[in-house]
């Protein structure tokens, strides 16, 4: 089994966004706002958690070869980089 990604980053981003919109979003509850969502773009399986590491770890426990897309519920991206003032 290779650890090399099968898809390029743009394709992972596109597929992850589609999976989020079609599989994850319909399952969300109000209390999920702000949680990280780890999605296996190959299967559509996902995990939610306020801790990004926990979400990814639980997904990889179920799907060791998962190609993981990471997002955050209610945010345009999983992380935000702030400029120093």
N, C-alpha and C. Protein backbone atom coordinates (compact mmCIF):
# COMPACT_ATOMS: atom_id res chain seq x y z
N UNK A 1 0.84 -1.17 0.00
CA UNK A 1 0.00 0.00 0.00
C UNK A 1 0.89 1.24 0.00
N UNK A 2 0.63 2.17 -0.90
CA UNK A 2 1.43 3.37 -1.02
C UNK A 2 0.86 4.49 -0.16
N UNK A 3 1.74 5.33 0.37
CA UNK A 3 1.27 6.46 1.15
C UNK A 3 1.15 7.71 0.27
N UNK A 4 1.48 7.57 -1.01
CA UNK A 4 1.37 8.69 -1.94
C UNK A 4 -0.10 8.98 -2.24
N UNK A 5 -0.49 10.26 -2.29
CA UNK A 5 -1.88 10.59 -2.60
C UNK A 5 -2.22 10.18 -4.03
N UNK A 6 -3.45 9.78 -4.23
CA UNK A 6 -3.91 9.35 -5.54
C UNK A 6 -4.40 10.52 -6.37
N UNK A 7 -4.79 11.61 -5.73
CA UNK A 7 -5.36 12.76 -6.43
C UNK A 7 -4.55 14.01 -6.12
N UNK A 8 -4.60 14.97 -7.03
CA UNK A 8 -3.89 16.23 -6.79
C UNK A 8 -4.71 17.08 -5.81
N UNK A 9 -4.09 18.07 -5.18
CA UNK A 9 -4.77 18.88 -4.17
C UNK A 9 -6.05 19.57 -4.66
N UNK A 10 -6.06 20.02 -5.91
CA UNK A 10 -7.26 20.67 -6.44
C UNK A 10 -8.42 19.70 -6.54
N UNK A 11 -8.12 18.47 -6.94
CA UNK A 11 -9.16 17.46 -7.06
C UNK A 11 -9.67 17.05 -5.67
N UNK A 12 -8.77 16.93 -4.70
CA UNK A 12 -9.17 16.62 -3.33
C UNK A 12 -10.10 17.72 -2.80
N UNK A 13 -9.74 18.97 -3.04
CA UNK A 13 -10.57 20.09 -2.59
C UNK A 13 -11.94 20.06 -3.24
N UNK A 14 -11.99 19.82 -4.53
CA UNK A 14 -13.27 19.78 -5.25
C UNK A 14 -14.14 18.63 -4.75
N UNK A 15 -13.57 17.44 -4.69
CA UNK A 15 -14.33 16.28 -4.24
C UNK A 15 -14.76 16.40 -2.78
N UNK A 16 -13.87 16.94 -1.94
CA UNK A 16 -14.21 17.13 -0.53
C UNK A 16 -15.37 18.09 -0.36
N UNK A 17 -15.35 19.19 -1.11
CA UNK A 17 -16.45 20.15 -1.05
C UNK A 17 -17.77 19.54 -1.51
N UNK A 18 -17.70 18.73 -2.57
CA UNK A 18 -18.91 18.06 -3.06
C UNK A 18 -19.45 17.08 -2.03
N UNK A 19 -18.55 16.28 -1.44
CA UNK A 19 -18.97 15.32 -0.40
C UNK A 19 -19.59 16.05 0.79
N UNK A 20 -18.96 17.17 1.18
CA UNK A 20 -19.50 17.93 2.29
C UNK A 20 -20.92 18.40 1.97
N UNK A 21 -21.11 18.98 0.80
CA UNK A 21 -22.42 19.51 0.43
C UNK A 21 -23.49 18.42 0.32
N UNK A 22 -23.14 17.27 -0.23
CA UNK A 22 -24.14 16.24 -0.50
C UNK A 22 -24.32 15.20 0.60
N UNK A 23 -23.27 14.91 1.36
CA UNK A 23 -23.35 13.84 2.37
C UNK A 23 -23.32 14.36 3.79
N UNK A 24 -22.47 15.36 4.05
CA UNK A 24 -22.29 15.83 5.42
C UNK A 24 -23.34 16.85 5.80
N UNK A 25 -23.48 17.90 5.00
CA UNK A 25 -24.39 18.99 5.33
C UNK A 25 -25.80 18.52 5.72
N UNK A 26 -26.40 17.57 4.98
CA UNK A 26 -27.74 17.12 5.36
C UNK A 26 -27.81 16.44 6.73
N UNK A 27 -26.69 15.94 7.23
CA UNK A 27 -26.66 15.24 8.52
C UNK A 27 -26.32 16.15 9.69
N UNK A 28 -26.00 17.42 9.41
CA UNK A 28 -25.55 18.32 10.47
C UNK A 28 -26.69 18.80 11.36
N UNK A 29 -26.31 19.09 12.61
CA UNK A 29 -27.24 19.65 13.60
C UNK A 29 -26.67 20.99 14.04
N UNK A 30 -27.48 21.81 14.68
CA UNK A 30 -27.04 23.13 15.14
C UNK A 30 -25.80 23.04 16.02
N UNK A 31 -25.73 22.00 16.84
CA UNK A 31 -24.59 21.86 17.76
C UNK A 31 -23.28 21.47 17.06
N UNK A 32 -23.35 21.18 15.77
CA UNK A 32 -22.14 20.84 15.02
C UNK A 32 -21.39 22.07 14.52
N UNK A 33 -21.96 23.25 14.64
CA UNK A 33 -21.32 24.46 14.16
C UNK A 33 -19.94 24.63 14.83
N UNK A 34 -18.93 24.84 14.02
CA UNK A 34 -17.57 25.01 14.52
C UNK A 34 -16.77 23.73 14.60
N UNK A 35 -17.41 22.59 14.43
CA UNK A 35 -16.68 21.32 14.48
C UNK A 35 -15.89 21.10 13.19
N UNK A 36 -14.79 20.39 13.32
CA UNK A 36 -14.04 19.95 12.15
C UNK A 36 -14.73 18.73 11.57
N UNK A 37 -14.69 18.61 10.26
CA UNK A 37 -15.24 17.44 9.59
C UNK A 37 -14.15 16.85 8.71
N UNK A 38 -13.85 15.58 8.95
CA UNK A 38 -12.88 14.84 8.15
C UNK A 38 -13.68 13.91 7.25
N UNK A 39 -13.47 14.03 5.94
CA UNK A 39 -14.23 13.26 4.95
C UNK A 39 -13.27 12.41 4.14
N UNK A 40 -13.61 11.13 4.00
CA UNK A 40 -12.88 10.25 3.08
C UNK A 40 -13.49 10.49 1.71
N UNK A 41 -12.74 11.11 0.81
CA UNK A 41 -13.31 11.46 -0.49
C UNK A 41 -13.55 10.25 -1.38
N UNK A 42 -13.02 9.12 -1.00
CA UNK A 42 -13.27 7.90 -1.77
C UNK A 42 -14.58 7.22 -1.42
N UNK A 43 -14.97 7.31 -0.15
CA UNK A 43 -16.17 6.59 0.30
C UNK A 43 -17.29 7.52 0.76
N UNK A 44 -16.95 8.75 1.12
CA UNK A 44 -17.95 9.67 1.67
C UNK A 44 -18.12 9.53 3.17
N UNK A 45 -17.43 8.57 3.78
CA UNK A 45 -17.50 8.44 5.24
C UNK A 45 -16.91 9.69 5.87
N UNK A 46 -17.43 10.08 7.04
CA UNK A 46 -16.92 11.27 7.69
C UNK A 46 -17.02 11.17 9.20
N UNK A 47 -16.25 12.01 9.86
CA UNK A 47 -16.25 12.14 11.31
C UNK A 47 -16.28 13.62 11.67
N UNK A 48 -16.98 13.95 12.74
CA UNK A 48 -17.07 15.32 13.24
C UNK A 48 -16.50 15.39 14.64
N UNK A 49 -15.78 16.48 14.94
CA UNK A 49 -15.26 16.68 16.29
C UNK A 49 -14.78 18.12 16.42
N UNK A 50 -14.81 18.66 17.63
CA UNK A 50 -14.25 19.99 17.86
C UNK A 50 -12.72 19.97 17.76
N UNK A 51 -12.13 18.79 17.82
CA UNK A 51 -10.69 18.62 17.70
C UNK A 51 -10.39 18.00 16.33
N UNK A 52 -9.59 18.68 15.51
CA UNK A 52 -9.30 18.19 14.17
C UNK A 52 -8.59 16.84 14.18
N UNK A 53 -7.63 16.68 15.08
CA UNK A 53 -6.88 15.43 15.17
C UNK A 53 -7.80 14.26 15.50
N UNK A 54 -8.73 14.45 16.41
CA UNK A 54 -9.66 13.38 16.80
C UNK A 54 -10.55 12.97 15.63
N UNK A 55 -11.03 13.95 14.88
CA UNK A 55 -11.89 13.63 13.72
C UNK A 55 -11.13 12.81 12.69
N UNK A 56 -9.91 13.24 12.37
CA UNK A 56 -9.10 12.52 11.37
C UNK A 56 -8.72 11.13 11.89
N UNK A 57 -8.33 11.04 13.15
CA UNK A 57 -7.92 9.75 13.72
C UNK A 57 -9.07 8.74 13.70
N UNK A 58 -10.26 9.17 14.09
CA UNK A 58 -11.40 8.24 14.07
C UNK A 58 -11.73 7.80 12.65
N UNK A 59 -11.63 8.71 11.69
CA UNK A 59 -11.88 8.34 10.30
C UNK A 59 -10.83 7.34 9.82
N UNK A 60 -9.57 7.59 10.13
CA UNK A 60 -8.50 6.68 9.70
C UNK A 60 -8.55 5.33 10.42
N UNK A 61 -9.11 5.31 11.63
CA UNK A 61 -9.31 4.02 12.31
C UNK A 61 -10.28 3.16 11.51
N UNK A 62 -11.31 3.78 10.94
CA UNK A 62 -12.30 3.04 10.14
C UNK A 62 -11.84 2.82 8.72
N UNK A 63 -11.14 3.80 8.16
CA UNK A 63 -10.70 3.77 6.77
C UNK A 63 -9.21 4.11 6.70
N UNK A 64 -8.33 3.15 6.99
CA UNK A 64 -6.89 3.42 7.04
C UNK A 64 -6.31 4.05 5.78
N UNK A 65 -6.86 3.75 4.63
CA UNK A 65 -6.32 4.30 3.38
C UNK A 65 -7.09 5.52 2.89
N UNK A 66 -7.86 6.13 3.77
CA UNK A 66 -8.70 7.27 3.38
C UNK A 66 -7.87 8.42 2.82
N UNK A 67 -8.40 9.03 1.76
CA UNK A 67 -7.88 10.31 1.28
C UNK A 67 -8.73 11.35 1.99
N UNK A 68 -8.14 12.07 2.93
CA UNK A 68 -8.92 12.91 3.84
C UNK A 68 -8.97 14.36 3.37
N UNK A 69 -10.19 14.88 3.34
CA UNK A 69 -10.45 16.30 3.16
C UNK A 69 -10.91 16.81 4.51
N UNK A 70 -10.36 17.92 4.96
CA UNK A 70 -10.71 18.47 6.27
C UNK A 70 -11.36 19.83 6.09
N UNK A 71 -12.52 20.00 6.68
CA UNK A 71 -13.22 21.27 6.65
C UNK A 71 -13.71 21.61 8.05
N UNK A 72 -14.43 22.71 8.15
CA UNK A 72 -14.98 23.13 9.43
C UNK A 72 -16.39 23.63 9.20
N UNK A 73 -17.32 23.10 9.96
CA UNK A 73 -18.73 23.43 9.81
C UNK A 73 -18.94 24.91 10.10
N UNK A 74 -19.61 25.60 9.16
CA UNK A 74 -19.93 27.01 9.34
C UNK A 74 -18.80 27.97 9.00
N UNK A 75 -17.69 27.45 8.46
CA UNK A 75 -16.53 28.26 8.10
C UNK A 75 -16.14 27.97 6.66
N UNK A 76 -15.57 28.96 5.97
CA UNK A 76 -15.17 28.71 4.58
C UNK A 76 -13.95 27.80 4.44
N UNK A 77 -13.18 27.65 5.52
CA UNK A 77 -11.98 26.79 5.49
C UNK A 77 -11.77 26.20 6.88
N UNK A 78 -10.99 25.13 6.95
CA UNK A 78 -10.72 24.50 8.24
C UNK A 78 -9.91 25.41 9.16
N UNK A 79 -8.99 26.18 8.57
CA UNK A 79 -8.11 27.04 9.36
C UNK A 79 -8.08 28.43 8.77
N UNK A 80 -7.72 29.39 9.61
CA UNK A 80 -7.56 30.77 9.15
C UNK A 80 -6.19 31.25 9.62
N UNK A 81 -5.46 31.83 8.71
CA UNK A 81 -4.14 32.37 9.04
C UNK A 81 -4.30 33.88 9.21
N UNK A 82 -3.89 34.36 10.35
CA UNK A 82 -3.98 35.80 10.62
C UNK A 82 -2.62 36.44 10.40
N UNK A 83 -2.66 37.65 9.88
CA UNK A 83 -1.43 38.41 9.71
C UNK A 83 -1.06 39.06 11.04
N UNK A 84 0.23 39.09 11.31
CA UNK A 84 0.72 39.78 12.52
C UNK A 84 0.56 41.28 12.32
N UNK A 85 0.26 41.95 13.37
CA UNK A 85 0.10 43.42 13.27
C UNK A 85 1.35 44.12 13.70
